[in-house]
PDB file of N, CA and C in Angstrom:
ATOM      1  N   MET A   1     112.333 -22.418 141.299  1.00  0.00           N
ATOM      2  CA  MET A   1     112.825 -23.401 140.359  1.00  0.00           C
ATOM      3  C   MET A   1     112.076 -23.256 139.052  1.00  0.00           C
ATOM      4  N   SER A   2     112.814 -23.167 137.984  1.00  0.00           N
ATOM      5  CA  SER A   2     112.146 -23.053 136.695  1.00  0.00           C
ATOM      6  C   SER A   2     111.956 -24.441 136.103  1.00  0.00           C
ATOM      7  N   GLY A   3     110.835 -24.631 135.422  1.00  0.00           N
ATOM      8  CA  GLY A   3     110.553 -25.915 134.801  1.00  0.00           C
ATOM      9  C   GLY A   3     111.194 -26.017 133.438  1.00  0.00           C
ATOM     10  N   ARG A   4     111.099 -27.206 132.853  1.00  0.00           N
ATOM     11  CA  ARG A   4     111.625 -27.363 131.509  1.00  0.00           C
ATOM     12  C   ARG A   4     110.500 -27.282 130.502  1.00  0.00           C
ATOM     13  N   LYS A   5     110.855 -26.863 129.316  1.00  0.00           N
ATOM     14  CA  LYS A   5     109.885 -26.725 128.236  1.00  0.00           C
ATOM     15  C   LYS A   5     109.542 -28.113 127.710  1.00  0.00           C
ATOM     16  N   SER A   6     108.280 -28.376 127.502  1.00  0.00           N
ATOM     17  CA  SER A   6     107.866 -29.675 126.987  1.00  0.00           C
ATOM     18  C   SER A   6     107.589 -29.578 125.500  1.00  0.00           C
ATOM     19  N   MET A   7     107.309 -30.719 124.902  1.00  0.00           N
ATOM     20  CA  MET A   7     106.988 -30.743 123.479  1.00  0.00           C
ATOM     21  C   MET A   7     105.646 -30.073 123.197  1.00  0.00           C
ATOM     22  N   TYR A   8     104.904 -29.758 124.238  1.00  0.00           N
ATOM     23  CA  TYR A   8     103.585 -29.144 124.081  1.00  0.00           C
ATOM     24  C   TYR A   8     103.642 -27.624 124.161  1.00  0.00           C
ATOM     25  N   GLY A   9     104.844 -27.057 124.288  1.00  0.00           N
ATOM     26  CA  GLY A   9     104.984 -25.612 124.331  1.00  0.00           C
ATOM     27  C   GLY A   9     104.640 -24.997 125.674  1.00  0.00           C
ATOM     28  N   GLU A  10     104.550 -25.818 126.702  1.00  0.00           N
ATOM     29  CA  GLU A  10     104.283 -25.328 128.046  1.00  0.00           C
ATOM     30  C   GLU A  10     105.450 -25.707 128.945  1.00  0.00           C
ATOM     31  N   THR A  11     105.661 -24.908 129.976  1.00  0.00           N
ATOM     32  CA  THR A  11     106.702 -25.225 130.936  1.00  0.00           C
ATOM     33  C   THR A  11     106.218 -26.318 131.875  1.00  0.00           C
ATOM     34  N   LYS A  12     107.077 -27.318 132.096  1.00  0.00           N
ATOM     35  CA  LYS A  12     106.745 -28.393 133.027  1.00  0.00           C
ATOM     36  C   LYS A  12     107.286 -28.064 134.407  1.00  0.00           C
ATOM     37  N   SER A  13     106.564 -28.478 135.429  1.00  0.00           N
ATOM     38  CA  SER A  13     106.995 -28.331 136.812  1.00  0.00           C
ATOM     39  C   SER A  13     106.954 -29.691 137.482  1.00  0.00           C
ATOM     40  N   LYS A  14     107.862 -29.910 138.423  1.00  0.00           N
ATOM     41  CA  LYS A  14     107.855 -31.169 139.168  1.00  0.00           C
ATOM     42  C   LYS A  14     106.627 -31.232 140.063  1.00  0.00           C
ATOM     43  N   ARG A  15     106.026 -32.408 140.121  1.00  0.00           N
ATOM     44  CA  ARG A  15     104.876 -32.668 140.987  1.00  0.00           C
ATOM     45  C   ARG A  15     105.124 -33.983 141.705  1.00  0.00           C
ATOM     46  N   ALA A  16     104.493 -34.167 142.819  1.00  0.00           N
ATOM     47  CA  ALA A  16     104.580 -35.429 143.551  1.00  0.00           C
ATOM     48  C   ALA A  16     103.219 -36.102 143.521  1.00  0.00           C
ATOM     49  N   LEU A  17     103.195 -37.382 143.188  1.00  0.00           N
ATOM     50  CA  LEU A  17     101.957 -38.162 143.175  1.00  0.00           C
ATOM     51  C   LEU A  17     102.118 -39.361 144.096  1.00  0.00           C
ATOM     52  N   THR A  18     101.054 -39.735 144.745  1.00  0.00           N
ATOM     53  CA  THR A  18     101.042 -40.937 145.547  1.00  0.00           C
ATOM     54  C   THR A  18     100.082 -41.906 144.875  1.00  0.00           C
ATOM     55  N   LEU A  19     100.625 -43.029 144.386  1.00  0.00           N
ATOM     56  CA  LEU A  19      99.838 -43.973 143.600  1.00  0.00           C
ATOM     57  C   LEU A  19     100.001 -45.388 144.134  1.00  0.00           C
ATOM     58  N   THR A  20      98.981 -46.188 143.937  1.00  0.00           N
ATOM     59  CA  THR A  20      99.069 -47.594 144.302  1.00  0.00           C
ATOM     60  C   THR A  20      99.896 -48.352 143.275  1.00  0.00           C
ATOM     61  N   ASP A  21     100.326 -49.559 143.628  1.00  0.00           N
ATOM     62  CA  ASP A  21     101.040 -50.411 142.686  1.00  0.00           C
ATOM     63  C   ASP A  21     100.172 -50.725 141.473  1.00  0.00           C
ATOM     64  N   THR A  22      98.865 -50.845 141.688  1.00  0.00           N
ATOM     65  CA  THR A  22      97.930 -51.111 140.584  1.00  0.00           C
ATOM     66  C   THR A  22      97.935 -49.963 139.585  1.00  0.00           C
ATOM     67  N   ALA A  23      97.923 -48.737 140.083  1.00  0.00           N
ATOM     68  CA  ALA A  23      97.939 -47.566 139.195  1.00  0.00           C
ATOM     69  C   ALA A  23      99.249 -47.486 138.418  1.00  0.00           C
ATOM     70  N   ILE A  24     100.358 -47.768 139.080  1.00  0.00           N
ATOM     71  CA  ILE A  24     101.663 -47.742 138.399  1.00  0.00           C
ATOM     72  C   ILE A  24     101.712 -48.818 137.317  1.00  0.00           C
ATOM     73  N   ALA A  25     101.201 -50.010 137.620  1.00  0.00           N
ATOM     74  CA  ALA A  25     101.186 -51.095 136.630  1.00  0.00           C
ATOM     75  C   ALA A  25     100.355 -50.692 135.420  1.00  0.00           C
ATOM     76  N   TRP A  26      99.205 -50.046 135.631  1.00  0.00           N
ATOM     77  CA  TRP A  26      98.359 -49.593 134.525  1.00  0.00           C
ATOM     78  C   TRP A  26      99.075 -48.528 133.700  1.00  0.00           C
ATOM     79  N   LEU A  27      99.744 -47.599 134.377  1.00  0.00           N
ATOM     80  CA  LEU A  27     100.495 -46.559 133.665  1.00  0.00           C
ATOM     81  C   LEU A  27     101.632 -47.170 132.845  1.00  0.00           C
ATOM     82  N   GLU A  28     102.285 -48.196 133.359  1.00  0.00           N
ATOM     83  CA  GLU A  28     103.355 -48.876 132.610  1.00  0.00           C
ATOM     84  C   GLU A  28     102.795 -49.524 131.338  1.00  0.00           C
ATOM     85  N   ILE A  29     101.603 -50.119 131.438  1.00  0.00           N
ATOM     86  CA  ILE A  29     100.949 -50.705 130.257  1.00  0.00           C
ATOM     87  C   ILE A  29     100.637 -49.613 129.240  1.00  0.00           C
ATOM     88  N   GLN A  30     100.121 -48.487 129.723  1.00  0.00           N
ATOM     89  CA  GLN A  30      99.793 -47.362 128.835  1.00  0.00           C
ATOM     90  C   GLN A  30     101.061 -46.790 128.199  1.00  0.00           C
ATOM     91  N   LYS A  31     102.158 -46.803 128.942  1.00  0.00           N
ATOM     92  CA  LYS A  31     103.434 -46.316 128.414  1.00  0.00           C
ATOM     93  C   LYS A  31     103.811 -47.097 127.163  1.00  0.00           C
ATOM     94  N   LYS A  32     103.684 -48.414 127.213  1.00  0.00           N
ATOM     95  CA  LYS A  32     103.996 -49.250 126.045  1.00  0.00           C
ATOM     96  C   LYS A  32     102.992 -49.000 124.920  1.00  0.00           C
ATOM     97  N   ARG A  33     101.712 -48.930 125.275  1.00  0.00           N
ATOM     98  CA  ARG A  33     100.657 -48.732 124.277  1.00  0.00           C
ATOM     99  C   ARG A  33     100.822 -47.416 123.530  1.00  0.00           C
ATOM    100  N   LEU A  34     101.183 -46.372 124.254  1.00  0.00           N
ATOM    101  CA  LEU A  34     101.288 -45.037 123.671  1.00  0.00           C
ATOM    102  C   LEU A  34     102.664 -44.732 123.095  1.00  0.00           C
ATOM    103  N   GLY A  35     103.637 -45.589 123.357  1.00  0.00           N
ATOM    104  CA  GLY A  35     104.992 -45.302 122.925  1.00  0.00           C
ATOM    105  C   GLY A  35     105.583 -44.127 123.683  1.00  0.00           C
ATOM    106  N   ALA A  36     105.187 -43.986 124.923  1.00  0.00           N
ATOM    107  CA  ALA A  36     105.645 -42.870 125.750  1.00  0.00           C
ATOM    108  C   ALA A  36     107.043 -43.158 126.294  1.00  0.00           C
ATOM    109  N   THR A  37     107.744 -42.105 126.669  1.00  0.00           N
ATOM    110  CA  THR A  37     109.105 -42.246 127.165  1.00  0.00           C
ATOM    111  C   THR A  37     109.178 -42.316 128.689  1.00  0.00           C
ATOM    112  N   SER A  38     108.116 -41.899 129.370  1.00  0.00           N
ATOM    113  CA  SER A  38     108.098 -41.885 130.831  1.00  0.00           C
ATOM    114  C   SER A  38     106.649 -41.938 131.306  1.00  0.00           C
ATOM    115  N   LEU A  39     106.475 -42.171 132.598  1.00  0.00           N
ATOM    116  CA  LEU A  39     105.112 -42.182 133.137  1.00  0.00           C
ATOM    117  C   LEU A  39     104.508 -40.784 133.114  1.00  0.00           C
ATOM    118  N   SER A  40     105.323 -39.754 133.282  1.00  0.00           N
ATOM    119  CA  SER A  40     104.782 -38.397 133.189  1.00  0.00           C
ATOM    120  C   SER A  40     104.328 -38.109 131.753  1.00  0.00           C
ATOM    121  N   ASP A  41     105.047 -38.662 130.772  1.00  0.00           N
ATOM    122  CA  ASP A  41     104.637 -38.517 129.371  1.00  0.00           C
ATOM    123  C   ASP A  41     103.303 -39.224 129.129  1.00  0.00           C
ATOM    124  N   VAL A  42     103.097 -40.366 129.773  1.00  0.00           N
ATOM    125  CA  VAL A  42     101.809 -41.072 129.667  1.00  0.00           C
ATOM    126  C   VAL A  42     100.680 -40.170 130.153  1.00  0.00           C
ATOM    127  N   ILE A  43     100.874 -39.556 131.307  1.00  0.00           N
ATOM    128  CA  ILE A  43      99.832 -38.690 131.869  1.00  0.00           C
ATOM    129  C   ILE A  43      99.565 -37.509 130.947  1.00  0.00           C
ATOM    130  N   GLU A  44     100.621 -36.896 130.409  1.00  0.00           N
ATOM    131  CA  GLU A  44     100.457 -35.787 129.449  1.00  0.00           C
ATOM    132  C   GLU A  44      99.666 -36.238 128.231  1.00  0.00           C
ATOM    133  N   LYS A  45     100.045 -37.376 127.647  1.00  0.00           N
ATOM    134  CA  LYS A  45      99.373 -37.870 126.446  1.00  0.00           C
ATOM    135  C   LYS A  45      97.900 -38.181 126.726  1.00  0.00           C
ATOM    136  N   LEU A  46      97.624 -38.841 127.846  1.00  0.00           N
ATOM    137  CA  LEU A  46      96.240 -39.175 128.183  1.00  0.00           C
ATOM    138  C   LEU A  46      95.407 -37.918 128.442  1.00  0.00           C
ATOM    139  N   ALA A  47      96.007 -36.932 129.077  1.00  0.00           N
ATOM    140  CA  ALA A  47      95.287 -35.685 129.367  1.00  0.00           C
ATOM    141  C   ALA A  47      94.946 -34.923 128.097  1.00  0.00           C
ATOM    142  N   ARG A  48      95.720 -35.158 127.041  1.00  0.00           N
ATOM    143  CA  ARG A  48      95.522 -34.426 125.790  1.00  0.00           C
ATOM    144  C   ARG A  48      94.770 -35.218 124.723  1.00  0.00           C
ATOM    145  N   GLU A  49      94.390 -36.465 125.038  1.00  0.00           N
ATOM    146  CA  GLU A  49      93.617 -37.249 124.067  1.00  0.00           C
ATOM    147  C   GLU A  49      92.237 -36.622 123.885  1.00  0.00           C
ATOM    148  N   PRO A  50      91.791 -36.485 122.642  1.00  0.00           N
ATOM    149  CA  PRO A  50      90.442 -35.936 122.414  1.00  0.00           C
ATOM    150  C   PRO A  50      89.384 -36.754 123.144  1.00  0.00           C
ATOM    151  N   GLY A  51      88.454 -36.045 123.756  1.00  0.00           N
ATOM    152  CA  GLY A  51      87.347 -36.689 124.441  1.00  0.00           C
ATOM    153  C   GLY A  51      87.650 -37.133 125.865  1.00  0.00           C
ATOM    154  N   GLN A  52      88.870 -36.905 126.365  1.00  0.00           N
ATOM    155  CA  GLN A  52      89.230 -37.359 127.696  1.00  0.00           C
ATOM    156  C   GLN A  52      88.931 -36.326 128.776  1.00  0.00           C
ATOM    157  N   ASN A  53      88.791 -35.057 128.383  1.00  0.00           N
ATOM    158  CA  ASN A  53      88.405 -34.044 129.360  1.00  0.00           C
ATOM    159  C   ASN A  53      87.659 -32.934 128.649  1.00  0.00           C
ATOM    160  N   GLY A  54      87.099 -32.034 129.403  1.00  0.00           N
ATOM    161  CA  GLY A  54      86.257 -30.998 128.822  1.00  0.00           C
ATOM    162  C   GLY A  54      86.979 -29.909 128.073  1.00  0.00           C
ATOM    163  N   SER A  55      88.294 -29.814 128.194  1.00  0.00           N
ATOM    164  CA  SER A  55      88.991 -28.670 127.617  1.00  0.00           C
ATOM    165  C   SER A  55      89.528 -28.903 126.211  1.00  0.00           C
ATOM    166  N   ASN A  56      89.543 -30.158 125.731  1.00  0.00           N
ATOM    167  CA  ASN A  56      90.133 -30.378 124.415  1.00  0.00           C
ATOM    168  C   ASN A  56      89.229 -31.121 123.444  1.00  0.00           C
ATOM    169  N   GLY A  57      87.954 -31.051 123.681  1.00  0.00           N
ATOM    170  CA  GLY A  57      87.038 -31.586 122.709  1.00  0.00           C
ATOM    171  C   GLY A  57      86.564 -32.941 122.965  1.00  0.00           C
TER     172      GLY A  57
END
């Protein structure tokens, strides 16, 4: 299965996550805060925020 191209220039692949209701509620809050279109977009945006991980500064 081929993934779709994202706005970040990388191919996206489907993944499965198992999350608590608390985690989903927090992601929904972040979705509004970030102006994201989906929960997967929230995760992408958070992963790419400066200072959030070792790979992007």
